[in-house]
């Protein structure tokens, strides 16, 4: 992994643990997890909004077409 041996990685992790402590690292992990969940939720909501807006546009176009068709029928009948 990028030229870092497992022994070097363990030494780095021990130093980080000594510098920050377990409580701060636990809080950092929880904050990171909630940030990722929030990001995923925002992305999925954005995709759902795009799908809904596409469906709404199609329905609006269909309703406009039906309205204009009924208006033309009324003109023809008059």
Protein backbone atom coordinates (compact mmCIF):
# COMPACT_ATOMS: atom_id res chain seq x y z
CA UNK A 1 0.00 0.00 0.00
CA UNK A 2 1.99 2.99 -1.33
CA UNK A 3 5.25 1.52 -0.03
CA UNK A 4 4.10 1.46 3.61
CA UNK A 5 4.66 -1.83 5.37
CA UNK A 6 2.16 -3.13 7.92
CA UNK A 7 4.63 -2.45 10.74
CA UNK A 8 4.98 1.20 9.71
CA UNK A 9 1.20 1.52 9.48
CA UNK A 10 0.79 0.17 13.02
CA UNK A 11 3.36 2.66 14.33
CA UNK A 12 1.52 5.53 12.63
CA UNK A 13 -1.81 4.38 14.09
CA UNK A 14 -0.32 4.15 17.61
CA UNK A 15 1.09 7.69 17.31
CA UNK A 16 -2.28 9.02 16.10
CA UNK A 17 -4.01 7.24 18.98
CA UNK A 18 -1.59 8.76 21.51
CA UNK A 19 -1.95 12.26 20.03
CA UNK A 20 -5.73 12.40 19.79
CA UNK A 21 -6.98 9.82 22.26
CA UNK A 22 -9.74 7.26 21.84
CA UNK A 23 -12.61 9.62 22.67
CA UNK A 24 -11.70 12.17 19.98
CA UNK A 25 -11.11 9.44 17.42
CA UNK A 26 -14.48 7.86 18.25
CA UNK A 27 -16.22 11.23 17.86
CA UNK A 28 -14.36 11.84 14.61
CA UNK A 29 -15.51 8.48 13.27
CA UNK A 30 -19.11 9.16 14.25
CA UNK A 31 -19.03 12.62 12.67
CA UNK A 32 -17.54 11.23 9.50
CA UNK A 33 -20.19 8.51 9.34
CA UNK A 34 -23.05 10.97 9.79
CA UNK A 35 -21.55 13.26 7.14
CA UNK A 36 -21.41 10.39 4.66
CA UNK A 37 -25.03 9.43 5.45
CA UNK A 38 -26.14 13.01 4.96
CA UNK A 39 -24.31 13.23 1.65
CA UNK A 40 -25.88 10.00 0.38
CA UNK A 41 -29.33 11.19 1.47
CA UNK A 42 -28.89 14.52 -0.31
CA UNK A 43 -27.74 12.82 -3.51
CA UNK A 44 -30.68 10.38 -3.49
CA UNK A 45 -33.16 13.20 -2.77
CA UNK A 46 -31.71 15.21 -5.65
CA UNK A 47 -32.15 12.23 -7.99
CA UNK A 48 -35.74 11.76 -6.79
CA UNK A 49 -36.48 15.46 -7.33
CA UNK A 50 -35.15 15.26 -10.89
CA UNK A 51 -37.34 12.23 -11.61
CA UNK A 52 -40.39 13.95 -10.14
CA UNK A 53 -39.76 17.13 -12.14
CA UNK A 54 -39.44 15.08 -15.36
CA UNK A 55 -42.74 13.34 -14.62
CA UNK A 56 -44.41 16.66 -13.78
CA UNK A 57 -43.20 18.20 -17.03
CA UNK A 58 -44.61 15.26 -19.00
CA UNK A 59 -47.96 15.54 -17.23
CA UNK A 60 -48.05 19.31 -17.79
CA UNK A 61 -47.30 18.85 -21.49
CA UNK A 62 -50.02 16.21 -21.78
CA UNK A 63 -52.54 18.41 -19.98
CA UNK A 64 -51.67 21.37 -22.22
CA UNK A 65 -52.06 19.23 -25.33
CA UNK A 66 -55.44 17.93 -24.14
CA UNK A 67 -56.59 21.44 -23.31
CA UNK A 68 -55.61 22.79 -26.70
CA UNK A 69 -57.29 19.82 -28.41
CA UNK A 70 -60.52 20.43 -26.51
CA UNK A 71 -60.35 24.15 -27.33
CA UNK A 72 -59.99 23.32 -31.03
CA UNK A 73 -62.98 20.95 -30.85
CA UNK A 74 -65.07 23.70 -29.26
CA UNK A 75 -64.08 26.12 -32.02
CA UNK A 76 -64.98 23.55 -34.69
CA UNK A 77 -68.38 22.93 -33.07
CA UNK A 78 -69.17 26.65 -32.92
